[in-house]
Amino acid sequence: MTDVSGPELFTGDGLVGGECGTCGRRHFPLAEWCPWCGEPDPVRVQLSRHGTLWSWTSVTAAPPGYEGEVPFGFGVVELADDGLQVVTRLTEPDPDRLSLGDPMTFTVVALDAGRSTWAFTPR
């Protein structure tokens, strides 16, 4: 079997991003070069665990190949300390229980049979 695992996207401490030594900007996910200025070899950094809800919806039908629970929340969380907005899973599936500007915290959630992903949960 071929190893198809990708780069490390998160740890229990948060999302894994990059910081450019030239322009100083951060990005997610970690890449081999800075997406802002093109310089190679950004430094691996742990991104902030805290953010602000910017946009959200609820996923009510499982995407192809997905075996986890539905519904689940999906949205955009701004990590102001990192100068980023990330598209992410949300732990709150009911969009009526979320509001623009809600404070959010990074968490790891189990999907199925030993697999997990990241998400943000309301604080």
PDB file of N, CA and C in Angstrom:
ATOM      1  N   MET A   1       0.826  -1.175   0.000  1.00  0.00           N
ATOM      2  CA  MET A   1       0.000   0.000   0.000  1.00  0.00           C
ATOM      3  C   MET A   1       0.880   1.253   0.000  1.00  0.00           C
ATOM      4  N   THR A   2       0.487   2.249  -0.731  1.00  0.00           N
ATOM      5  CA  THR A   2       1.233   3.500  -0.826  1.00  0.00           C
ATOM      6  C   THR A   2       0.864   4.425   0.317  1.00  0.00           C
ATOM      7  N   ASP A   3       1.867   5.072   0.903  1.00  0.00           N
ATOM      8  CA  ASP A   3       1.611   6.053   1.953  1.00  0.00           C
ATOM      9  C   ASP A   3       1.093   7.322   1.297  1.00  0.00           C
ATOM     10  N   VAL A   4      -0.151   7.656   1.573  1.00  0.00           N
ATOM     11  CA  VAL A   4      -0.746   8.852   0.976  1.00  0.00           C
ATOM     12  C   VAL A   4      -0.957   9.948   2.011  1.00  0.00           C
ATOM     13  N   SER A   5      -0.336   9.797   3.180  1.00  0.00           N
ATOM     14  CA  SER A   5      -0.517  10.812   4.220  1.00  0.00           C
ATOM     15  C   SER A   5       0.132  12.120   3.773  1.00  0.00           C
ATOM     16  N   GLY A   6      -0.527  13.190   4.123  1.00  0.00           N
ATOM     17  CA  GLY A   6      -0.038  14.512   3.749  1.00  0.00           C
ATOM     18  C   GLY A   6       0.780  15.122   4.859  1.00  0.00           C
ATOM     19  N   PRO A   7       1.033  16.412   4.743  1.00  0.00           N
ATOM     20  CA  PRO A   7       1.798  17.109   5.772  1.00  0.00           C
ATOM     21  C   PRO A   7       1.002  17.189   7.072  1.00  0.00           C
ATOM     22  N   GLU A   8       1.704  17.387   8.150  1.00  0.00           N
ATOM     23  CA  GLU A   8       1.050  17.557   9.450  1.00  0.00           C
ATOM     24  C   GLU A   8       0.239  18.851   9.428  1.00  0.00           C
ATOM     25  N   LEU A   9      -1.076  18.734   9.613  1.00  0.00           N
ATOM     26  CA  LEU A   9      -1.951  19.902   9.597  1.00  0.00           C
ATOM     27  C   LEU A   9      -2.239  20.438  10.992  1.00  0.00           C
ATOM     28  N   PHE A  10      -2.240  19.527  11.999  1.00  0.00           N
ATOM     29  CA  PHE A  10      -2.544  19.953  13.358  1.00  0.00           C
ATOM     30  C   PHE A  10      -1.943  18.996  14.370  1.00  0.00           C
ATOM     31  N   THR A  11      -1.823  19.478  15.586  1.00  0.00           N
ATOM     32  CA  THR A  11      -1.442  18.670  16.741  1.00  0.00           C
ATOM     33  C   THR A  11      -2.507  18.941  17.806  1.00  0.00           C
ATOM     34  N   GLY A  12      -2.359  18.339  18.948  1.00  0.00           N
ATOM     35  CA  GLY A  12      -3.276  18.617  20.043  1.00  0.00           C
ATOM     36  C   GLY A  12      -3.199  20.054  20.519  1.00  0.00           C
ATOM     37  N   ASP A  13      -2.141  20.755  20.133  1.00  0.00           N
ATOM     38  CA  ASP A  13      -1.938  22.145  20.553  1.00  0.00           C
ATOM     39  C   ASP A  13      -2.463  23.176  19.567  1.00  0.00           C
ATOM     40  N   GLY A  14      -2.883  22.750  18.375  1.00  0.00           N
ATOM     41  CA  GLY A  14      -3.409  23.709  17.408  1.00  0.00           C
ATOM     42  C   GLY A  14      -2.994  23.382  15.988  1.00  0.00           C
ATOM     43  N   LEU A  15      -3.376  24.267  15.082  1.00  0.00           N
ATOM     44  CA  LEU A  15      -3.034  24.117  13.673  1.00  0.00           C
ATOM     45  C   LEU A  15      -1.549  24.383  13.458  1.00  0.00           C
ATOM     46  N   VAL A  16      -0.952  23.676  12.510  1.00  0.00           N
ATOM     47  CA  VAL A  16       0.461  23.839  12.175  1.00  0.00           C
ATOM     48  C   VAL A  16       0.548  24.710  10.928  1.00  0.00           C
ATOM     49  N   GLY A  17       1.180  25.853  11.067  1.00  0.00           N
ATOM     50  CA  GLY A  17       1.332  26.767   9.943  1.00  0.00           C
ATOM     51  C   GLY A  17       2.784  27.096   9.697  1.00  0.00           C
ATOM     52  N   GLY A  18       2.996  28.090   8.876  1.00  0.00           N
ATOM     53  CA  GLY A  18       4.340  28.541   8.574  1.00  0.00           C
ATOM     54  C   GLY A  18       4.459  30.039   8.777  1.00  0.00           C
ATOM     55  N   GLU A  19       5.675  30.478   9.049  1.00  0.00           N
ATOM     56  CA  GLU A  19       5.958  31.910   9.167  1.00  0.00           C
ATOM     57  C   GLU A  19       7.177  32.220   8.318  1.00  0.00           C
ATOM     58  N   CYS A  20       7.041  33.201   7.454  1.00  0.00           N
ATOM     59  CA  CYS A  20       8.110  33.578   6.537  1.00  0.00           C
ATOM     60  C   CYS A  20       9.183  34.394   7.260  1.00  0.00           C
ATOM     61  N   GLY A  21      10.443  34.009   7.047  1.00  0.00           N
ATOM     62  CA  GLY A  21      11.547  34.754   7.636  1.00  0.00           C
ATOM     63  C   GLY A  21      11.814  36.071   6.927  1.00  0.00           C
ATOM     64  N   THR A  22      11.270  36.261   5.735  1.00  0.00           N
ATOM     65  CA  THR A  22      11.494  37.493   4.972  1.00  0.00           C
ATOM     66  C   THR A  22      10.387  38.513   5.208  1.00  0.00           C
ATOM     67  N   CYS A  23       9.134  38.122   4.946  1.00  0.00           N
ATOM     68  CA  CYS A  23       8.031  39.096   5.083  1.00  0.00           C
ATOM     69  C   CYS A  23       7.336  39.019   6.438  1.00  0.00           C
ATOM     70  N   GLY A  24       7.580  37.928   7.199  1.00  0.00           N
ATOM     71  CA  GLY A  24       7.016  37.800   8.532  1.00  0.00           C
ATOM     72  C   GLY A  24       5.565  37.347   8.589  1.00  0.00           C
ATOM     73  N   ARG A  25       4.936  37.139   7.441  1.00  0.00           N
ATOM     74  CA  ARG A  25       3.524  36.731   7.440  1.00  0.00           C
ATOM     75  C   ARG A  25       3.391  35.234   7.690  1.00  0.00           C
ATOM     76  N   ARG A  26       2.259  34.858   8.254  1.00  0.00           N
ATOM     77  CA  ARG A  26       1.958  33.459   8.527  1.00  0.00           C
ATOM     78  C   ARG A  26       0.993  32.904   7.494  1.00  0.00           C
ATOM     79  N   HIS A  27       0.990  31.574   7.367  1.00  0.00           N
ATOM     80  CA  HIS A  27       0.070  30.913   6.449  1.00  0.00           C
ATOM     81  C   HIS A  27      -0.302  29.542   6.997  1.00  0.00           C
ATOM     82  N   PHE A  28      -1.407  29.007   6.468  1.00  0.00           N
ATOM     83  CA  PHE A  28      -1.882  27.671   6.797  1.00  0.00           C
ATOM     84  C   PHE A  28      -2.480  27.064   5.541  1.00  0.00           C
ATOM     85  N   PRO A  29      -2.120  25.823   5.266  1.00  0.00           N
ATOM     86  CA  PRO A  29      -1.195  24.959   5.990  1.00  0.00           C
ATOM     87  C   PRO A  29       0.259  25.322   5.688  1.00  0.00           C
ATOM     88  N   LEU A  30       1.154  24.711   6.452  1.00  0.00           N
ATOM     89  CA  LEU A  30       2.591  24.898   6.233  1.00  0.00           C
ATOM     90  C   LEU A  30       2.928  24.505   4.798  1.00  0.00           C
ATOM     91  N   ALA A  31       3.662  25.358   4.112  1.00  0.00           N
ATOM     92  CA  ALA A  31       4.057  25.109   2.724  1.00  0.00           C
ATOM     93  C   ALA A  31       5.579  25.207   2.607  1.00  0.00           C
ATOM     94  N   GLU A  32       6.099  24.788   1.467  1.00  0.00           N
ATOM     95  CA  GLU A  32       7.546  24.837   1.231  1.00  0.00           C
ATOM     96  C   GLU A  32       8.037  26.240   0.927  1.00  0.00           C
ATOM     97  N   TRP A  33       7.128  27.143   0.633  1.00  0.00           N
ATOM     98  CA  TRP A  33       7.483  28.526   0.335  1.00  0.00           C
ATOM     99  C   TRP A  33       6.383  29.426   0.883  1.00  0.00           C
ATOM    100  N   CYS A  34       6.693  30.685   1.032  1.00  0.00           N
ATOM    101  CA  CYS A  34       5.716  31.651   1.530  1.00  0.00           C
ATOM    102  C   CYS A  34       4.722  31.984   0.412  1.00  0.00           C
ATOM    103  N   PRO A  35       3.418  31.804   0.665  1.00  0.00           N
ATOM    104  CA  PRO A  35       2.443  32.122  -0.374  1.00  0.00           C
ATOM    105  C   PRO A  35       2.284  33.617  -0.613  1.00  0.00           C
ATOM    106  N   TRP A  36       2.803  34.446   0.283  1.00  0.00           N
ATOM    107  CA  TRP A  36       2.675  35.903   0.167  1.00  0.00           C
ATOM    108  C   TRP A  36       3.808  36.513  -0.642  1.00  0.00           C
ATOM    109  N   CYS A  37       5.051  36.051  -0.399  1.00  0.00           N
ATOM    110  CA  CYS A  37       6.184  36.681  -1.102  1.00  0.00           C
ATOM    111  C   CYS A  37       7.028  35.693  -1.898  1.00  0.00           C
ATOM    112  N   GLY A  38       6.776  34.386  -1.750  1.00  0.00           N
ATOM    113  CA  GLY A  38       7.479  33.388  -2.547  1.00  0.00           C
ATOM    114  C   GLY A  38       8.794  32.895  -1.981  1.00  0.00           C
ATOM    115  N   GLU A  39       9.218  33.399  -0.832  1.00  0.00           N
ATOM    116  CA  GLU A  39      10.487  32.944  -0.250  1.00  0.00           C
ATOM    117  C   GLU A  39      10.378  31.487   0.192  1.00  0.00           C
ATOM    118  N   PRO A  40      11.452  30.721   0.009  1.00  0.00           N
ATOM    119  CA  PRO A  40      11.417  29.313   0.415  1.00  0.00           C
ATOM    120  C   PRO A  40      11.621  29.127   1.918  1.00  0.00           C
ATOM    121  N   ASP A  41      11.269  27.939   2.381  1.00  0.00           N
ATOM    122  CA  ASP A  41      11.568  27.454   3.727  1.00  0.00           C
ATOM    123  C   ASP A  41      11.015  28.299   4.881  1.00  0.00           C
ATOM    124  N   PRO A  42       9.703  28.514   4.925  1.00  0.00           N
ATOM    125  CA  PRO A  42       9.148  29.177   6.102  1.00  0.00           C
ATOM    126  C   PRO A  42       9.367  28.313   7.345  1.00  0.00           C
ATOM    127  N   VAL A  43       9.333  28.927   8.488  1.00  0.00           N
ATOM    128  CA  VAL A  43       9.516  28.233   9.762  1.00  0.00           C
ATOM    129  C   VAL A  43       8.180  27.648  10.203  1.00  0.00           C
ATOM    130  N   ARG A  44       8.190  26.426  10.700  1.00  0.00           N
ATOM    131  CA  ARG A  44       6.984  25.781  11.232  1.00  0.00           C
ATOM    132  C   ARG A  44       6.580  26.495  12.520  1.00  0.00           C
ATOM    133  N   VAL A  45       5.295  26.860  12.629  1.00  0.00           N
ATOM    134  CA  VAL A  45       4.786  27.508  13.838  1.00  0.00           C
ATOM    135  C   VAL A  45       3.446  26.887  14.231  1.00  0.00           C
ATOM    136  N   GLN A  46       3.167  26.938  15.511  1.00  0.00           N
ATOM    137  CA  GLN A  46       1.869  26.528  16.025  1.00  0.00           C
ATOM    138  C   GLN A  46       0.996  27.768  16.011  1.00  0.00           C
ATOM    139  N   LEU A  47      -0.134  27.714  15.322  1.00  0.00           N
ATOM    140  CA  LEU A  47      -1.018  28.869  15.226  1.00  0.00           C
ATOM    141  C   LEU A  47      -1.851  29.015  16.492  1.00  0.00           C
ATOM    142  N   SER A  48      -2.443  30.169  16.654  1.00  0.00           N
ATOM    143  CA  SER A  48      -3.250  30.476  17.830  1.00  0.00           C
ATOM    144  C   SER A  48      -4.403  29.489  17.995  1.00  0.00           C
ATOM    145  N   ARG A  49      -4.719  29.151  19.216  1.00  0.00           N
ATOM    146  CA  ARG A  49      -5.848  28.262  19.531  1.00  0.00           C
ATOM    147  C   ARG A  49      -7.164  29.032  19.620  1.00  0.00           C
ATOM    148  N   HIS A  50      -7.087  30.352  19.590  1.00  0.00           N
ATOM    149  CA  HIS A  50      -8.285  31.177  19.789  1.00  0.00           C
ATOM    150  C   HIS A  50      -8.556  32.046  18.578  1.00  0.00           C
ATOM    151  N   GLY A  51      -9.844  32.132  18.224  1.00  0.00           N
ATOM    152  CA  GLY A  51     -10.229  32.933  17.077  1.00  0.00           C
ATOM    153  C   GLY A  51     -11.626  33.488  17.233  1.00  0.00           C
ATOM    154  N   THR A  52     -12.112  34.065  16.137  1.00  0.00           N
ATOM    155  CA  THR A  52     -13.426  34.695  16.095  1.00  0.00           C
ATOM    156  C   THR A  52     -14.194  34.148  14.896  1.00  0.00           C
ATOM    157  N   LEU A  53     -15.448  33.797  15.123  1.00  0.00           N
ATOM    158  CA  LEU A  53     -16.277  33.260  14.050  1.00  0.00           C
ATOM    159  C   LEU A  53     -16.592  34.350  13.044  1.00  0.00           C
ATOM    160  N   TRP A  54     -16.346  34.054  11.780  1.00  0.00           N
ATOM    161  CA  TRP A  54     -16.508  35.019  10.712  1.00  0.00           C
ATOM    162  C   TRP A  54     -17.637  34.630   9.761  1.00  0.00           C
ATOM    163  N   SER A  55     -17.828  33.311   9.560  1.00  0.00           N
ATOM    164  CA  SER A  55     -18.866  32.805   8.663  1.00  0.00           C
ATOM    165  C   SER A  55     -19.155  31.363   9.066  1.00  0.00           C
ATOM    166  N   TRP A  56     -20.395  30.868   8.822  1.00  0.00           N
ATOM    167  CA  TRP A  56     -20.721  29.513   9.239  1.00  0.00           C
ATOM    168  C   TRP A  56     -21.942  28.974   8.512  1.00  0.00           C
ATOM    169  N   THR A  57     -22.050  27.640   8.521  1.00  0.00           N
ATOM    170  CA  THR A  57     -23.198  26.932   7.975  1.00  0.00           C
ATOM    171  C   THR A  57     -23.250  25.570   8.645  1.00  0.00           C
ATOM    172  N   SER A  58     -24.201  24.760   8.252  1.00  0.00           N
ATOM    173  CA  SER A  58     -24.323  23.399   8.750  1.00  0.00           C
ATOM    174  C   SER A  58     -24.276  22.440   7.568  1.00  0.00           C
ATOM    175  N   VAL A  59     -23.489  21.372   7.717  1.00  0.00           N
ATOM    176  CA  VAL A  59     -23.427  20.329   6.706  1.00  0.00           C
ATOM    177  C   VAL A  59     -24.405  19.240   7.153  1.00  0.00           C
ATOM    178  N   THR A  60     -25.463  19.024   6.373  1.00  0.00           N
ATOM    179  CA  THR A  60     -26.518  18.093   6.773  1.00  0.00           C
ATOM    180  C   THR A  60     -26.523  16.796   5.977  1.00  0.00           C
ATOM    181  N   ALA A  61     -25.734  16.713   4.916  1.00  0.00           N
ATOM    182  CA  ALA A  61     -25.598  15.492   4.126  1.00  0.00           C
ATOM    183  C   ALA A  61     -24.122  15.127   4.062  1.00  0.00           C
ATOM    184  N   ALA A  62     -23.807  13.893   4.333  1.00  0.00           N
ATOM    185  CA  ALA A  62     -22.407  13.455   4.360  1.00  0.00           C
ATOM    186  C   ALA A  62     -21.758  13.588   2.984  1.00  0.00           C
ATOM    187  N   PRO A  63     -20.564  14.215   2.926  1.00  0.00           N
ATOM    188  CA  PRO A  63     -19.826  14.277   1.660  1.00  0.00           C
ATOM    189  C   PRO A  63     -19.397  12.863   1.244  1.00  0.00           C
ATOM    190  N   PRO A  64     -19.123  12.622  -0.045  1.00  0.00           N
ATOM    191  CA  PRO A  64     -18.691  11.301  -0.504  1.00  0.00           C
ATOM    192  C   PRO A  64     -17.486  10.788   0.288  1.00  0.00           C
ATOM    193  N   GLY A  65     -17.590   9.567   0.773  1.00  0.00           N
ATOM    194  CA  GLY A  65     -16.488   8.952   1.507  1.00  0.00           C
ATOM    195  C   GLY A  65     -16.442   9.276   2.982  1.00  0.00           C
ATOM    196  N   TYR A  66     -17.234  10.231   3.427  1.00  0.00           N
ATOM    197  CA  TYR A  66     -17.237  10.635   4.841  1.00  0.00           C
ATOM    198  C   TYR A  66     -18.110   9.677   5.637  1.00  0.00           C
ATOM    199  N   GLU A  67     -17.575   9.171   6.744  1.00  0.00           N
ATOM    200  CA  GLU A  67     -18.316   8.220   7.566  1.00  0.00           C
ATOM    201  C   GLU A  67     -18.599   8.738   8.968  1.00  0.00           C
ATOM    202  N   GLY A  68     -18.315  10.006   9.223  1.00  0.00           N
ATOM    203  CA  GLY A  68     -18.554  10.587  10.531  1.00  0.00           C
ATOM    204  C   GLY A  68     -20.003  11.024  10.691  1.00  0.00           C
ATOM    205  N   GLU A  69     -20.279  11.648  11.830  1.00  0.00           N
ATOM    206  CA  GLU A  69     -21.629  12.100  12.144  1.00  0.00           C
ATOM    207  C   GLU A  69     -22.011  13.341  11.349  1.00  0.00           C
ATOM    208  N   VAL A  70     -23.287  13.428  10.994  1.00  0.00           N
ATOM    209  CA  VAL A  70     -23.875  14.637  10.434  1.00  0.00           C
ATOM    210  C   VAL A  70     -25.144  14.909  11.224  1.00  0.00           C
ATOM    211  N   PRO A  71     -25.555  16.129  11.394  1.00  0.00           N
ATOM    212  CA  PRO A  71     -24.932  17.322  10.825  1.00  0.00           C
ATOM    213  C   PRO A  71     -23.689  17.740  11.613  1.00  0.00           C
ATOM    214  N   PHE A  72     -22.877  18.578  10.971  1.00  0.00           N
ATOM    215  CA  PHE A  72     -21.759  19.210  11.662  1.00  0.00           C
ATOM    216  C   PHE A  72     -21.613  20.630  11.139  1.00  0.00           C
ATOM    217  N   GLY A  73     -21.051  21.471  11.972  1.00  0.00           N
ATOM    218  CA  GLY A  73     -20.839  22.860  11.579  1.00  0.00           C
ATOM    219  C   GLY A  73     -19.608  23.001  10.703  1.00  0.00           C
ATOM    220  N   PHE A  74     -19.616  24.018   9.877  1.00  0.00           N
ATOM    221  CA  PHE A  74     -18.509  24.299   8.969  1.00  0.00           C
ATOM    222  C   PHE A  74     -18.452  25.808   8.807  1.00  0.00           C
ATOM    223  N   GLY A  75     -17.265  26.397   8.849  1.00  0.00           N
ATOM    224  CA  GLY A  75     -17.211  27.841   8.735  1.00  0.00           C
ATOM    225  C   GLY A  75     -15.813  28.393   8.571  1.00  0.00           C
ATOM    226  N   VAL A  76     -15.718  29.679   8.800  1.00  0.00           N
ATOM    227  CA  VAL A  76     -14.452  30.401   8.717  1.00  0.00           C
ATOM    228  C   VAL A  76     -14.202  31.048  10.077  1.00  0.00           C
ATOM    229  N   VAL A  77     -13.014  30.800  10.620  1.00  0.00           N
ATOM    230  CA  VAL A  77     -12.607  31.380  11.893  1.00  0.00           C
ATOM    231  C   VAL A  77     -11.385  32.257  11.645  1.00  0.00           C
ATOM    232  N   GLU A  78     -11.458  33.477  12.138  1.00  0.00           N
ATOM    233  CA  GLU A  78     -10.329  34.402  12.013  1.00  0.00           C
ATOM    234  C   GLU A  78      -9.394  34.229  13.198  1.00  0.00           C
ATOM    235  N   LEU A  79      -8.128  33.980  12.889  1.00  0.00           N
ATOM    236  CA  LEU A  79      -7.074  33.899  13.903  1.00  0.00           C
ATOM    237  C   LEU A  79      -6.322  35.224  13.851  1.00  0.00           C
ATOM    238  N   ALA A  80      -6.845  36.215  14.551  1.00  0.00           N
ATOM    239  CA  ALA A  80      -6.309  37.580  14.467  1.00  0.00           C
ATOM    240  C   ALA A  80      -4.834  37.638  14.862  1.00  0.00           C
ATOM    241  N   ASP A  81      -4.424  36.841  15.849  1.00  0.00           N
ATOM    242  CA  ASP A  81      -3.016  36.852  16.275  1.00  0.00           C
ATOM    243  C   ASP A  81      -2.072  36.398  15.171  1.00  0.00           C
ATOM    244  N   ASP A  82      -2.605  35.629  14.210  1.00  0.00           N
ATOM    245  CA  ASP A  82      -1.787  35.109  13.119  1.00  0.00           C
ATOM    246  C   ASP A  82      -2.045  35.821  11.799  1.00  0.00           C
ATOM    247  N   GLY A  83      -3.040  36.723  11.765  1.00  0.00           N
ATOM    248  CA  GLY A  83      -3.372  37.421  10.531  1.00  0.00           C
ATOM    249  C   GLY A  83      -3.991  36.514   9.484  1.00  0.00           C
ATOM    250  N   LEU A  84      -4.757  35.496   9.929  1.00  0.00           N
ATOM    251  CA  LEU A  84      -5.314  34.498   9.018  1.00  0.00           C
ATOM    252  C   LEU A  84      -6.798  34.258   9.259  1.00  0.00           C
ATOM    253  N   GLN A  85      -7.464  33.788   8.232  1.00  0.00           N
ATOM    254  CA  GLN A  85      -8.797  33.206   8.356  1.00  0.00           C
ATOM    255  C   GLN A  85      -8.676  31.781   7.842  1.00  0.00           C
ATOM    256  N   VAL A  86      -9.204  30.809   8.603  1.00  0.00           N
ATOM    257  CA  VAL A  86      -9.114  29.413   8.199  1.00  0.00           C
ATOM    258  C   VAL A  86     -10.512  28.825   8.013  1.00  0.00           C
ATOM    259  N   VAL A  87     -10.652  28.024   6.977  1.00  0.00           N
ATOM    260  CA  VAL A  87     -11.875  27.257   6.752  1.00  0.00           C
ATOM    261  C   VAL A  87     -11.767  26.037   7.648  1.00  0.00           C
ATOM    262  N   THR A  88     -12.809  25.772   8.422  1.00  0.00           N
ATOM    263  CA  THR A  88     -12.700  24.756   9.459  1.00  0.00           C
ATOM    264  C   THR A  88     -14.025  24.092   9.779  1.00  0.00           C
ATOM    265  N   ARG A  89     -13.929  22.956  10.350  1.00  0.00           N
ATOM    266  CA  ARG A  89     -15.090  22.300  10.927  1.00  0.00           C
ATOM    267  C   ARG A  89     -15.417  23.025  12.229  1.00  0.00           C
ATOM    268  N   LEU A  90     -16.706  23.092  12.580  1.00  0.00           N
ATOM    269  CA  LEU A  90     -17.166  23.679  13.831  1.00  0.00           C
ATOM    270  C   LEU A  90     -17.865  22.589  14.642  1.00  0.00           C
ATOM    271  N   THR A  91     -17.718  22.601  15.959  1.00  0.00           N
ATOM    272  CA  THR A  91     -18.365  21.579  16.778  1.00  0.00           C
ATOM    273  C   THR A  91     -19.847  21.845  16.967  1.00  0.00           C
ATOM    274  N   GLU A  92     -20.296  23.064  16.734  1.00  0.00           N
ATOM    275  CA  GLU A  92     -21.716  23.397  16.871  1.00  0.00           C
ATOM    276  C   GLU A  92     -22.409  23.200  15.523  1.00  0.00           C
ATOM    277  N   PRO A  93     -23.324  22.199  15.421  1.00  0.00           N
ATOM    278  CA  PRO A  93     -23.972  21.942  14.136  1.00  0.00           C
ATOM    279  C   PRO A  93     -25.164  22.848  13.836  1.00  0.00           C
ATOM    280  N   ASP A  94     -25.709  23.525  14.837  1.00  0.00           N
ATOM    281  CA  ASP A  94     -26.901  24.351  14.644  1.00  0.00           C
ATOM    282  C   ASP A  94     -26.491  25.788  14.334  1.00  0.00           C
ATOM    283  N   PRO A  95     -26.658  26.237  13.089  1.00  0.00           N
ATOM    284  CA  PRO A  95     -26.224  27.590  12.733  1.00  0.00           C
ATOM    285  C   PRO A  95     -26.957  28.686  13.509  1.00  0.00           C
ATOM    286  N   ASP A  96     -28.159  28.393  14.011  1.00  0.00           N
ATOM    287  CA  ASP A  96     -28.904  29.387  14.784  1.00  0.00           C
ATOM    288  C   ASP A  96     -28.309  29.636  16.163  1.00  0.00           C
ATOM    289  N   ARG A  97     -27.403  28.766  16.598  1.00  0.00           N
ATOM    290  CA  ARG A  97     -26.763  28.933  17.904  1.00  0.00           C
ATOM    291  C   ARG A  97     -25.418  29.662  17.797  1.00  0.00           C
ATOM    292  N   LEU A  98     -25.072  30.100  16.586  1.00  0.00           N
ATOM    293  CA  LEU A  98     -23.812  30.804  16.355  1.00  0.00           C
ATOM    294  C   LEU A  98     -24.097  32.224  15.898  1.00  0.00           C
ATOM    295  N   SER A  99     -23.147  33.121  16.185  1.00  0.00           N
ATOM    296  CA  SER A  99     -23.289  34.524  15.787  1.00  0.00           C
ATOM    297  C   SER A  99     -21.948  35.071  15.317  1.00  0.00           C
ATOM    298  N   LEU A 100     -22.023  36.032  14.420  1.00  0.00           N
ATOM    299  CA  LEU A 100     -20.829  36.719  13.948  1.00  0.00           C
ATOM    300  C   LEU A 100     -20.048  37.263  15.141  1.00  0.00           C
ATOM    301  N   GLY A 101     -18.752  36.964  15.171  1.00  0.00           N
ATOM    302  CA  GLY A 101     -17.892  37.464  16.232  1.00  0.00           C
ATOM    303  C   GLY A 101     -17.798  36.571  17.455  1.00  0.00           C
ATOM    304  N   ASP A 102     -18.500  35.425  17.453  1.00  0.00           N
ATOM    305  CA  ASP A 102     -18.393  34.508  18.588  1.00  0.00           C
ATOM    306  C   ASP A 102     -16.937  34.109  18.803  1.00  0.00           C
ATOM    307  N   PRO A 103     -16.459  34.104  20.050  1.00  0.00           N
ATOM    308  CA  PRO A 103     -15.112  33.603  20.323  1.00  0.00           C
ATOM    309  C   PRO A 103     -15.086  32.087  20.151  1.00  0.00           C
ATOM    310  N   MET A 104     -14.031  31.588  19.525  1.00  0.00           N
ATOM    311  CA  MET A 104     -13.897  30.168  19.215  1.00  0.00           C
ATOM    312  C   MET A 104     -12.543  29.655  19.720  1.00  0.00           C
ATOM    313  N   THR A 105     -12.503  28.359  20.056  1.00  0.00           N
ATOM    314  CA  THR A 105     -11.281  27.718  20.536  1.00  0.00           C
ATOM    315  C   THR A 105     -11.023  26.440  19.749  1.00  0.00           C
ATOM    316  N   PHE A 106      -9.775  26.216  19.406  1.00  0.00           N
ATOM    317  CA  PHE A 106      -9.344  25.013  18.697  1.00  0.00           C
ATOM    318  C   PHE A 106      -9.596  23.768  19.543  1.00  0.00           C
ATOM    319  N   THR A 107      -9.998  22.677  18.879  1.00  0.00           N
ATOM    320  CA  THR A 107     -10.137  21.385  19.534  1.00  0.00           C
ATOM    321  C   THR A 107      -9.886  20.282  18.512  1.00  0.00           C
ATOM    322  N   VAL A 108      -9.643  19.092  18.989  1.00  0.00           N
ATOM    323  CA  VAL A 108      -9.506  17.914  18.137  1.00  0.00           C
ATOM    324  C   VAL A 108     -10.753  17.069  18.349  1.00  0.00           C
ATOM    325  N   VAL A 109     -11.364  16.595  17.248  1.00  0.00           N
ATOM    326  CA  VAL A 109     -12.565  15.773  17.340  1.00  0.00           C
ATOM    327  C   VAL A 109     -12.336  14.429  16.636  1.00  0.00           C
ATOM    328  N   ALA A 110     -12.880  13.371  17.229  1.00  0.00           N
ATOM    329  CA  ALA A 110     -12.799  12.038  16.637  1.00  0.00           C
ATOM    330  C   ALA A 110     -13.782  11.950  15.484  1.00  0.00           C
ATOM    331  N   LEU A 111     -13.363  11.286  14.400  1.00  0.00           N
ATOM    332  CA  LEU A 111     -14.251  11.060  13.259  1.00  0.00           C
ATOM    333  C   LEU A 111     -14.783   9.635  13.273  1.00  0.00           C
ATOM    334  N   ASP A 112     -13.897   8.676  13.113  1.00  0.00           N
ATOM    335  CA  ASP A 112     -14.254   7.267  13.084  1.00  0.00           C
ATOM    336  C   ASP A 112     -12.982   6.443  13.242  1.00  0.00           C
ATOM    337  N   ALA A 113     -13.096   5.207  13.546  1.00  0.00           N
ATOM    338  CA  ALA A 113     -12.014   4.212  13.596  1.00  0.00           C
ATOM    339  C   ALA A 113     -10.600   4.782  13.697  1.00  0.00           C
ATOM    340  N   GLY A 114     -10.324   5.528  14.742  1.00  0.00           N
ATOM    341  CA  GLY A 114      -8.975   6.017  14.980  1.00  0.00           C
ATOM    342  C   GLY A 114      -8.569   7.256  14.209  1.00  0.00           C
ATOM    343  N   ARG A 115      -9.486   7.839  13.436  1.00  0.00           N
ATOM    344  CA  ARG A 115      -9.160   9.066  12.705  1.00  0.00           C
ATOM    345  C   ARG A 115      -9.747  10.267  13.440  1.00  0.00           C
ATOM    346  N   SER A 116      -9.054  11.381  13.334  1.00  0.00           N
ATOM    347  CA  SER A 116      -9.528  12.609  13.961  1.00  0.00           C
ATOM    348  C   SER A 116      -9.239  13.789  13.043  1.00  0.00           C
ATOM    349  N   THR A 117      -9.866  14.908  13.363  1.00  0.00           N
ATOM    350  CA  THR A 117      -9.646  16.138  12.623  1.00  0.00           C
ATOM    351  C   THR A 117      -9.672  17.288  13.612  1.00  0.00           C
ATOM    352  N   TRP A 118      -9.422  18.480  13.104  1.00  0.00           N
ATOM    353  CA  TRP A 118      -9.503  19.648  13.962  1.00  0.00           C
ATOM    354  C   TRP A 118     -10.856  20.307  13.767  1.00  0.00           C
ATOM    355  N   ALA A 119     -11.200  21.136  14.735  1.00  0.00           N
ATOM    356  CA  ALA A 119     -12.431  21.918  14.668  1.00  0.00           C
ATOM    357  C   ALA A 119     -12.273  23.104  15.605  1.00  0.00           C
ATOM    358  N   PHE A 120     -13.198  24.024  15.521  1.00  0.00           N
ATOM    359  CA  PHE A 120     -13.262  25.114  16.491  1.00  0.00           C
ATOM    360  C   PHE A 120     -14.608  25.028  17.188  1.00  0.00           C
ATOM    361  N   THR A 121     -14.597  25.292  18.482  1.00  0.00           N
ATOM    362  CA  THR A 121     -15.784  25.186  19.310  1.00  0.00           C
ATOM    363  C   THR A 121     -16.060  26.540  19.968  1.00  0.00           C
ATOM    364  N   PRO A 122     -17.329  26.918  20.136  1.00  0.00           N
ATOM    365  CA  PRO A 122     -17.623  28.178  20.816  1.00  0.00           C
ATOM    366  C   PRO A 122     -17.077  28.147  22.250  1.00  0.00           C
ATOM    367  N   ARG A 123     -16.558  29.304  22.698  1.00  0.00           N
ATOM    368  CA  ARG A 123     -16.063  29.394  24.086  1.00  0.00           C
ATOM    369  C   ARG A 123     -17.188  29.823  24.980  1.00  0.00           C
TER     370      ARG A 123
END
